[in-house]
Amino acid sequence: MQYNKHPLFFDKDLLQVAEALTSLGYGSDSRFAPTLDLIRQKQDEQHRWKLEYAYGSKTWGNYGMRGKPNKWVTLRALRVNKKAYSTL
């Protein structure tokens, strides 16, 4: 469940769970800190996040290449960080 992927389907990824928890106000909960650390560790030197899972031909659109920085994953990770750290 820790893949960063886009678009979202029936299976969940770490960012989707983190988005839900921060939206519910759990961003400052100490039990959530390891998840935030893991998300931060996945950030590259240019402050972007890579697409870790691609659906390939299972979707109608092209959402990026696996292993490459991805604007949608980066946007989602930045939103999680913003919500988590704005509640401190």
PDB file of N, CA and C in Angstrom:
ATOM      1  N   MET A   1       0.811  -1.192   0.000  1.00  0.00           N
ATOM      2  CA  MET A   1       0.000   0.000   0.000  1.00  0.00           C
ATOM      3  C   MET A   1       0.855   1.258   0.000  1.00  0.00           C
ATOM      4  N   GLN A   2       2.143   1.159  -0.101  1.00  0.00           N
ATOM      5  CA  GLN A   2       2.926   2.378   0.005  1.00  0.00           C
ATOM      6  C   GLN A   2       3.359   2.951  -1.339  1.00  0.00           C
ATOM      7  N   TYR A   3       2.785   2.479  -2.435  1.00  0.00           N
ATOM      8  CA  TYR A   3       3.121   3.045  -3.733  1.00  0.00           C
ATOM      9  C   TYR A   3       2.497   4.415  -3.913  1.00  0.00           C
ATOM     10  N   ASN A   4       3.205   5.282  -4.603  1.00  0.00           N
ATOM     11  CA  ASN A   4       2.652   6.571  -5.030  1.00  0.00           C
ATOM     12  C   ASN A   4       2.159   6.369  -6.447  1.00  0.00           C
ATOM     13  N   LYS A   5       0.875   6.600  -6.668  1.00  0.00           N
ATOM     14  CA  LYS A   5       0.335   6.350  -7.996  1.00  0.00           C
ATOM     15  C   LYS A   5      -0.736   7.362  -8.347  1.00  0.00           C
ATOM     16  N   HIS A   6      -1.034   7.413  -9.627  1.00  0.00           N
ATOM     17  CA  HIS A   6      -2.089   8.289 -10.132  1.00  0.00           C
ATOM     18  C   HIS A   6      -2.554   7.714 -11.451  1.00  0.00           C
ATOM     19  N   PRO A   7      -3.795   7.652 -11.772  1.00  0.00           N
ATOM     20  CA  PRO A   7      -4.961   8.103 -11.006  1.00  0.00           C
ATOM     21  C   PRO A   7      -5.336   7.099  -9.926  1.00  0.00           C
ATOM     22  N   LEU A   8      -6.265   7.487  -9.088  1.00  0.00           N
ATOM     23  CA  LEU A   8      -6.697   6.626  -7.995  1.00  0.00           C
ATOM     24  C   LEU A   8      -7.842   5.734  -8.457  1.00  0.00           C
ATOM     25  N   PHE A   9      -7.804   4.494  -8.021  1.00  0.00           N
ATOM     26  CA  PHE A   9      -8.871   3.552  -8.317  1.00  0.00           C
ATOM     27  C   PHE A   9      -9.333   2.919  -7.018  1.00  0.00           C
ATOM     28  N   PHE A  10      -9.801   1.698  -7.094  1.00  0.00           N
ATOM     29  CA  PHE A  10     -10.336   1.028  -5.914  1.00  0.00           C
ATOM     30  C   PHE A  10      -9.266   0.679  -4.898  1.00  0.00           C
ATOM     31  N   ASP A  11      -8.047   0.464  -5.332  1.00  0.00           N
ATOM     32  CA  ASP A  11      -6.977   0.172  -4.382  1.00  0.00           C
ATOM     33  C   ASP A  11      -6.372   1.478  -3.884  1.00  0.00           C
ATOM     34  N   LYS A  12      -5.904   1.463  -2.670  1.00  0.00           N
ATOM     35  CA  LYS A  12      -5.411   2.681  -2.015  1.00  0.00           C
ATOM     36  C   LYS A  12      -3.893   2.744  -2.065  1.00  0.00           C
ATOM     37  N   ASP A  13      -3.366   3.937  -1.961  1.00  0.00           N
ATOM     38  CA  ASP A  13      -1.934   4.109  -1.802  1.00  0.00           C
ATOM     39  C   ASP A  13      -1.673   4.923  -0.538  1.00  0.00           C
ATOM     40  N   LEU A  14      -0.420   5.021  -0.172  1.00  0.00           N
ATOM     41  CA  LEU A  14      -0.044   5.710   1.059  1.00  0.00           C
ATOM     42  C   LEU A  14      -0.507   7.157   1.064  1.00  0.00           C
ATOM     43  N   LEU A  15      -0.378   7.830  -0.049  1.00  0.00           N
ATOM     44  CA  LEU A  15      -0.788   9.234  -0.101  1.00  0.00           C
ATOM     45  C   LEU A  15      -2.291   9.392   0.071  1.00  0.00           C
ATOM     46  N   GLN A  16      -3.065   8.468  -0.456  1.00  0.00           N
ATOM     47  CA  GLN A  16      -4.516   8.581  -0.316  1.00  0.00           C
ATOM     48  C   GLN A  16      -4.931   8.426   1.142  1.00  0.00           C
ATOM     49  N   VAL A  17      -4.311   7.503   1.837  1.00  0.00           N
ATOM     50  CA  VAL A  17      -4.598   7.333   3.266  1.00  0.00           C
ATOM     51  C   VAL A  17      -4.147   8.579   4.028  1.00  0.00           C
ATOM     52  N   ALA A  18      -2.967   9.103   3.688  1.00  0.00           N
ATOM     53  CA  ALA A  18      -2.459  10.308   4.353  1.00  0.00           C
ATOM     54  C   ALA A  18      -3.353  11.511   4.074  1.00  0.00           C
ATOM     55  N   GLU A  19      -3.870  11.616   2.854  1.00  0.00           N
ATOM     56  CA  GLU A  19      -4.799  12.705   2.526  1.00  0.00           C
ATOM     57  C   GLU A  19      -6.047  12.625   3.401  1.00  0.00           C
ATOM     58  N   ALA A  20      -6.559  11.432   3.570  1.00  0.00           N
ATOM     59  CA  ALA A  20      -7.762  11.260   4.389  1.00  0.00           C
ATOM     60  C   ALA A  20      -7.484  11.618   5.844  1.00  0.00           C
ATOM     61  N   LEU A  21      -6.374  11.136   6.382  1.00  0.00           N
ATOM     62  CA  LEU A  21      -6.066  11.395   7.792  1.00  0.00           C
ATOM     63  C   LEU A  21      -5.798  12.874   8.063  1.00  0.00           C
ATOM     64  N   THR A  22      -5.085  13.538   7.155  1.00  0.00           N
ATOM     65  CA  THR A  22      -4.841  14.967   7.381  1.00  0.00           C
ATOM     66  C   THR A  22      -6.128  15.770   7.228  1.00  0.00           C
ATOM     67  N   SER A  23      -6.992  15.356   6.325  1.00  0.00           N
ATOM     68  CA  SER A  23      -8.280  16.049   6.164  1.00  0.00           C
ATOM     69  C   SER A  23      -9.155  15.902   7.401  1.00  0.00           C
ATOM     70  N   LEU A  24      -8.983  14.798   8.107  1.00  0.00           N
ATOM     71  CA  LEU A  24      -9.745  14.564   9.334  1.00  0.00           C
ATOM     72  C   LEU A  24      -9.090  15.196  10.559  1.00  0.00           C
ATOM     73  N   GLY A  25      -7.940  15.862  10.368  1.00  0.00           N
ATOM     74  CA  GLY A  25      -7.292  16.562  11.464  1.00  0.00           C
ATOM     75  C   GLY A  25      -6.252  15.765  12.228  1.00  0.00           C
ATOM     76  N   TYR A  26      -5.811  14.634  11.677  1.00  0.00           N
ATOM     77  CA  TYR A  26      -4.823  13.805  12.367  1.00  0.00           C
ATOM     78  C   TYR A  26      -3.388  14.110  11.959  1.00  0.00           C
ATOM     79  N   GLY A  27      -3.165  15.205  11.270  1.00  0.00           N
ATOM     80  CA  GLY A  27      -1.825  15.541  10.805  1.00  0.00           C
ATOM     81  C   GLY A  27      -0.811  15.740  11.908  1.00  0.00           C
ATOM     82  N   SER A  28      -1.244  16.195  13.061  1.00  0.00           N
ATOM     83  CA  SER A  28      -0.311  16.432  14.170  1.00  0.00           C
ATOM     84  C   SER A  28      -0.275  15.273  15.162  1.00  0.00           C
ATOM     85  N   ASP A  29      -0.998  14.216  14.899  1.00  0.00           N
ATOM     86  CA  ASP A  29      -1.007  13.042  15.782  1.00  0.00           C
ATOM     87  C   ASP A  29       0.353  12.352  15.710  1.00  0.00           C
ATOM     88  N   SER A  30       0.947  12.065  16.848  1.00  0.00           N
ATOM     89  CA  SER A  30       2.284  11.462  16.879  1.00  0.00           C
ATOM     90  C   SER A  30       2.312  10.095  16.199  1.00  0.00           C
ATOM     91  N   ARG A  31       1.202   9.396  16.166  1.00  0.00           N
ATOM     92  CA  ARG A  31       1.151   8.088  15.504  1.00  0.00           C
ATOM     93  C   ARG A  31       1.241   8.222  13.987  1.00  0.00           C
ATOM     94  N   PHE A  32       0.985   9.416  13.484  1.00  0.00           N
ATOM     95  CA  PHE A  32       1.023   9.676  12.049  1.00  0.00           C
ATOM     96  C   PHE A  32       2.418  10.104  11.590  1.00  0.00           C
ATOM     97  N   ALA A  33       3.291  10.440  12.521  1.00  0.00           N
ATOM     98  CA  ALA A  33       4.636  10.937  12.193  1.00  0.00           C
ATOM     99  C   ALA A  33       5.446   9.972  11.318  1.00  0.00           C
ATOM    100  N   PRO A  34       5.444   8.656  11.584  1.00  0.00           N
ATOM    101  CA  PRO A  34       6.208   7.757  10.703  1.00  0.00           C
ATOM    102  C   PRO A  34       5.722   7.778   9.251  1.00  0.00           C
ATOM    103  N   THR A  35       4.445   7.962   9.054  1.00  0.00           N
ATOM    104  CA  THR A  35       3.902   8.048   7.698  1.00  0.00           C
ATOM    105  C   THR A  35       4.404   9.311   7.009  1.00  0.00           C
ATOM    106  N   LEU A  36       4.378  10.428   7.718  1.00  0.00           N
ATOM    107  CA  LEU A  36       4.894  11.681   7.150  1.00  0.00           C
ATOM    108  C   LEU A  36       6.384  11.569   6.849  1.00  0.00           C
ATOM    109  N   ASP A  37       7.127  10.906   7.725  1.00  0.00           N
ATOM    110  CA  ASP A  37       8.559  10.702   7.483  1.00  0.00           C
ATOM    111  C   ASP A  37       8.788   9.885   6.214  1.00  0.00           C
ATOM    112  N   LEU A  38       7.998   8.831   6.040  1.00  0.00           N
ATOM    113  CA  LEU A  38       8.139   8.000   4.849  1.00  0.00           C
ATOM    114  C   LEU A  38       7.829   8.798   3.585  1.00  0.00           C
ATOM    115  N   ILE A  39       6.806   9.612   3.642  1.00  0.00           N
ATOM    116  CA  ILE A  39       6.462  10.447   2.487  1.00  0.00           C
ATOM    117  C   ILE A  39       7.602  11.418   2.185  1.00  0.00           C
ATOM    118  N   ARG A  40       8.169  12.031   3.212  1.00  0.00           N
ATOM    119  CA  ARG A  40       9.294  12.963   3.009  1.00  0.00           C
ATOM    120  C   ARG A  40      10.515  12.250   2.438  1.00  0.00           C
ATOM    121  N   GLN A  41      10.768  11.021   2.877  1.00  0.00           N
ATOM    122  CA  GLN A  41      11.926  10.265   2.386  1.00  0.00           C
ATOM    123  C   GLN A  41      11.833   9.973   0.894  1.00  0.00           C
ATOM    124  N   LYS A  42      10.637   9.932   0.372  1.00  0.00           N
ATOM    125  CA  LYS A  42      10.441   9.621  -1.040  1.00  0.00           C
ATOM    126  C   LYS A  42      10.631  10.847  -1.942  1.00  0.00           C
ATOM    127  N   GLN A  43      10.819  12.008  -1.353  1.00  0.00           N
ATOM    128  CA  GLN A  43      11.028  13.241  -2.115  1.00  0.00           C
ATOM    129  C   GLN A  43      12.439  13.240  -2.702  1.00  0.00           C
ATOM    130  N   ASP A  44      12.579  13.676  -3.957  1.00  0.00           N
ATOM    131  CA  ASP A  44      13.906  13.723  -4.564  1.00  0.00           C
ATOM    132  C   ASP A  44      14.612  15.047  -4.262  1.00  0.00           C
ATOM    133  N   GLU A  45      15.802  15.219  -4.832  1.00  0.00           N
ATOM    134  CA  GLU A  45      16.619  16.407  -4.561  1.00  0.00           C
ATOM    135  C   GLU A  45      15.972  17.686  -5.079  1.00  0.00           C
ATOM    136  N   GLN A  46      15.101  17.554  -6.056  1.00  0.00           N
ATOM    137  CA  GLN A  46      14.425  18.724  -6.628  1.00  0.00           C
ATOM    138  C   GLN A  46      13.031  18.908  -6.027  1.00  0.00           C
ATOM    139  N   HIS A  47      12.804  18.273  -4.893  1.00  0.00           N
ATOM    140  CA  HIS A  47      11.549  18.406  -4.143  1.00  0.00           C
ATOM    141  C   HIS A  47      10.341  17.875  -4.906  1.00  0.00           C
ATOM    142  N   ARG A  48      10.550  16.791  -5.641  1.00  0.00           N
ATOM    143  CA  ARG A  48       9.464  16.149  -6.380  1.00  0.00           C
ATOM    144  C   ARG A  48       9.332  14.709  -5.903  1.00  0.00           C
ATOM    145  N   TRP A  49       8.200  14.109  -6.213  1.00  0.00           N
ATOM    146  CA  TRP A  49       7.967  12.714  -5.881  1.00  0.00           C
ATOM    147  C   TRP A  49       7.793  11.935  -7.174  1.00  0.00           C
ATOM    148  N   LYS A  50       8.293  10.707  -7.184  1.00  0.00           N
ATOM    149  CA  LYS A  50       8.210   9.862  -8.370  1.00  0.00           C
ATOM    150  C   LYS A  50       6.924   9.043  -8.368  1.00  0.00           C
ATOM    151  N   LEU A  51       6.492   8.694  -9.561  1.00  0.00           N
ATOM    152  CA  LEU A  51       5.390   7.769  -9.737  1.00  0.00           C
ATOM    153  C   LEU A  51       5.946   6.369  -9.494  1.00  0.00           C
ATOM    154  N   GLU A  52       5.425   5.676  -8.496  1.00  0.00           N
ATOM    155  CA  GLU A  52       5.950   4.361  -8.142  1.00  0.00           C
ATOM    156  C   GLU A  52       5.140   3.218  -8.737  1.00  0.00           C
ATOM    157  N   TYR A  53       3.954   3.523  -9.207  1.00  0.00           N
ATOM    158  CA  TYR A  53       3.123   2.490  -9.813  1.00  0.00           C
ATOM    159  C   TYR A  53       2.348   3.122 -10.957  1.00  0.00           C
ATOM    160  N   ALA A  54       2.352   2.473 -12.095  1.00  0.00           N
ATOM    161  CA  ALA A  54       1.605   2.973 -13.251  1.00  0.00           C
ATOM    162  C   ALA A  54       0.634   1.894 -13.711  1.00  0.00           C
ATOM    163  N   TYR A  55      -0.554   2.305 -14.052  1.00  0.00           N
ATOM    164  CA  TYR A  55      -1.571   1.356 -14.496  1.00  0.00           C
ATOM    165  C   TYR A  55      -1.387   0.936 -15.948  1.00  0.00           C
ATOM    166  N   GLY A  56      -0.539   1.607 -16.671  1.00  0.00           N
ATOM    167  CA  GLY A  56      -0.269   1.246 -18.058  1.00  0.00           C
ATOM    168  C   GLY A  56      -1.499   1.360 -18.937  1.00  0.00           C
ATOM    169  N   SER A  57      -1.812   0.288 -19.637  1.00  0.00           N
ATOM    170  CA  SER A  57      -2.928   0.300 -20.590  1.00  0.00           C
ATOM    171  C   SER A  57      -4.291   0.144 -19.919  1.00  0.00           C
ATOM    172  N   LYS A  58      -4.334   0.111 -18.599  1.00  0.00           N
ATOM    173  CA  LYS A  58      -5.602  -0.039 -17.880  1.00  0.00           C
ATOM    174  C   LYS A  58      -6.368   1.277 -17.763  1.00  0.00           C
ATOM    175  N   THR A  59      -5.783   2.369 -18.227  1.00  0.00           N
ATOM    176  CA  THR A  59      -6.452   3.674 -18.150  1.00  0.00           C
ATOM    177  C   THR A  59      -6.539   4.290 -19.542  1.00  0.00           C
ATOM    178  N   TRP A  60      -7.363   5.308 -19.657  1.00  0.00           N
ATOM    179  CA  TRP A  60      -7.533   5.993 -20.932  1.00  0.00           C
ATOM    180  C   TRP A  60      -6.462   7.043 -21.169  1.00  0.00           C
ATOM    181  N   GLY A  61      -5.861   7.521 -20.118  1.00  0.00           N
ATOM    182  CA  GLY A  61      -4.888   8.590 -20.261  1.00  0.00           C
ATOM    183  C   GLY A  61      -3.489   8.147 -19.889  1.00  0.00           C
ATOM    184  N   ASN A  62      -2.535   9.000 -20.185  1.00  0.00           N
ATOM    185  CA  ASN A  62      -1.154   8.768 -19.797  1.00  0.00           C
ATOM    186  C   ASN A  62      -0.866   9.659 -18.594  1.00  0.00           C
ATOM    187  N   TYR A  63      -0.592   9.060 -17.462  1.00  0.00           N
ATOM    188  CA  TYR A  63      -0.385   9.818 -16.231  1.00  0.00           C
ATOM    189  C   TYR A  63       1.076   9.846 -15.799  1.00  0.00           C
ATOM    190  N   GLY A  64       1.966   9.495 -16.685  1.00  0.00           N
ATOM    191  CA  GLY A  64       3.380   9.546 -16.377  1.00  0.00           C
ATOM    192  C   GLY A  64       4.027   8.179 -16.422  1.00  0.00           C
ATOM    193  N   MET A  65       5.348   8.204 -16.351  1.00  0.00           N
ATOM    194  CA  MET A  65       6.113   6.965 -16.407  1.00  0.00           C
ATOM    195  C   MET A  65       6.558   6.560 -15.012  1.00  0.00           C
ATOM    196  N   ARG A  66       6.486   5.298 -14.753  1.00  0.00           N
ATOM    197  CA  ARG A  66       6.915   4.747 -13.471  1.00  0.00           C
ATOM    198  C   ARG A  66       8.396   5.063 -13.250  1.00  0.00           C
ATOM    199  N   GLY A  67       8.708   5.507 -12.039  1.00  0.00           N
ATOM    200  CA  GLY A  67      10.086   5.817 -11.692  1.00  0.00           C
ATOM    201  C   GLY A  67      10.528   7.227 -12.034  1.00  0.00           C
ATOM    202  N   LYS A  68       9.660   7.981 -12.677  1.00  0.00           N
ATOM    203  CA  LYS A  68       9.972   9.364 -13.052  1.00  0.00           C
ATOM    204  C   LYS A  68       9.200  10.331 -12.154  1.00  0.00           C
ATOM    205  N   PRO A  69       9.743  11.541 -11.925  1.00  0.00           N
ATOM    206  CA  PRO A  69       8.996  12.538 -11.150  1.00  0.00           C
ATOM    207  C   PRO A  69       7.629  12.776 -11.783  1.00  0.00           C
ATOM    208  N   ASN A  70       6.628  12.929 -10.931  1.00  0.00           N
ATOM    209  CA  ASN A  70       5.258  13.039 -11.414  1.00  0.00           C
ATOM    210  C   ASN A  70       4.574  14.230 -10.767  1.00  0.00           C
ATOM    211  N   LYS A  71       3.994  15.092 -11.591  1.00  0.00           N
ATOM    212  CA  LYS A  71       3.368  16.305 -11.063  1.00  0.00           C
ATOM    213  C   LYS A  71       2.159  15.993 -10.193  1.00  0.00           C
ATOM    214  N   TRP A  72       1.428  14.932 -10.483  1.00  0.00           N
ATOM    215  CA  TRP A  72       0.231  14.622  -9.697  1.00  0.00           C
ATOM    216  C   TRP A  72       0.602  14.040  -8.338  1.00  0.00           C
ATOM    217  N   VAL A  73       1.592  13.168  -8.309  1.00  0.00           N
ATOM    218  CA  VAL A  73       2.052  12.610  -7.037  1.00  0.00           C
ATOM    219  C   VAL A  73       2.673  13.720  -6.197  1.00  0.00           C
ATOM    220  N   THR A  74       3.452  14.597  -6.831  1.00  0.00           N
ATOM    221  CA  THR A  74       4.066  15.718  -6.121  1.00  0.00           C
ATOM    222  C   THR A  74       3.005  16.636  -5.531  1.00  0.00           C
ATOM    223  N   LEU A  75       1.986  16.955  -6.301  1.00  0.00           N
ATOM    224  CA  LEU A  75       0.899  17.798  -5.797  1.00  0.00           C
ATOM    225  C   LEU A  75       0.232  17.166  -4.580  1.00  0.00           C
ATOM    226  N   ARG A  76      -0.051  15.881  -4.653  1.00  0.00           N
ATOM    227  CA  ARG A  76      -0.715  15.199  -3.539  1.00  0.00           C
ATOM    228  C   ARG A  76       0.177  15.167  -2.299  1.00  0.00           C
ATOM    229  N   ALA A  77       1.470  14.908  -2.485  1.00  0.00           N
ATOM    230  CA  ALA A  77       2.395  14.879  -1.348  1.00  0.00           C
ATOM    231  C   ALA A  77       2.528  16.264  -0.719  1.00  0.00           C
ATOM    232  N   LEU A  78       2.597  17.293  -1.537  1.00  0.00           N
ATOM    233  CA  LEU A  78       2.684  18.656  -1.003  1.00  0.00           C
ATOM    234  C   LEU A  78       1.424  19.034  -0.231  1.00  0.00           C
ATOM    235  N   ARG A  79       0.279  18.611  -0.722  1.00  0.00           N
ATOM    236  CA  ARG A  79      -0.974  18.889  -0.006  1.00  0.00           C
ATOM    237  C   ARG A  79      -1.008  18.193   1.345  1.00  0.00           C
ATOM    238  N   VAL A  80      -0.540  16.956   1.392  1.00  0.00           N
ATOM    239  CA  VAL A  80      -0.487  16.231   2.668  1.00  0.00           C
ATOM    240  C   VAL A  80       0.425  16.962   3.637  1.00  0.00           C
ATOM    241  N   ASN A  81       1.615  17.340   3.174  1.00  0.00           N
ATOM    242  CA  ASN A  81       2.554  18.050   4.047  1.00  0.00           C
ATOM    243  C   ASN A  81       1.985  19.380   4.518  1.00  0.00           C
ATOM    244  N   LYS A  82       1.339  20.109   3.634  1.00  0.00           N
ATOM    245  CA  LYS A  82       0.762  21.402   4.016  1.00  0.00           C
ATOM    246  C   LYS A  82      -0.297  21.226   5.098  1.00  0.00           C
ATOM    247  N   LYS A  83      -1.187  20.272   4.906  1.00  0.00           N
ATOM    248  CA  LYS A  83      -2.237  20.037   5.900  1.00  0.00           C
ATOM    249  C   LYS A  83      -1.657  19.536   7.215  1.00  0.00           C
ATOM    250  N   ALA A  84      -0.687  18.642   7.138  1.00  0.00           N
ATOM    251  CA  ALA A  84      -0.112  18.061   8.353  1.00  0.00           C
ATOM    252  C   ALA A  84       0.621  19.104   9.177  1.00  0.00           C
ATOM    253  N   TYR A  85       1.394  19.948   8.517  1.00  0.00           N
ATOM    254  CA  TYR A  85       2.210  20.900   9.260  1.00  0.00           C
ATOM    255  C   TYR A  85       1.499  22.208   9.556  1.00  0.00           C
ATOM    256  N   SER A  86       0.368  22.441   8.952  1.00  0.00           N
ATOM    257  CA  SER A  86      -0.394  23.643   9.296  1.00  0.00           C
ATOM    258  C   SER A  86      -1.225  23.428  10.554  1.00  0.00           C
ATOM    259  N   THR A  87      -1.345  22.165  10.991  1.00  0.00           N
ATOM    260  CA  THR A  87      -2.116  21.874  12.202  1.00  0.00           C
ATOM    261  C   THR A  87      -1.245  21.860  13.445  1.00  0.00           C
ATOM    262  N   LEU A  88       0.069  22.012  13.274  1.00  0.00           N
ATOM    263  CA  LEU A  88       0.968  21.979  14.442  1.00  0.00           C
ATOM    264  C   LEU A  88       0.928  23.277  15.215  1.00  0.00           C
TER     265      LEU A  88
END
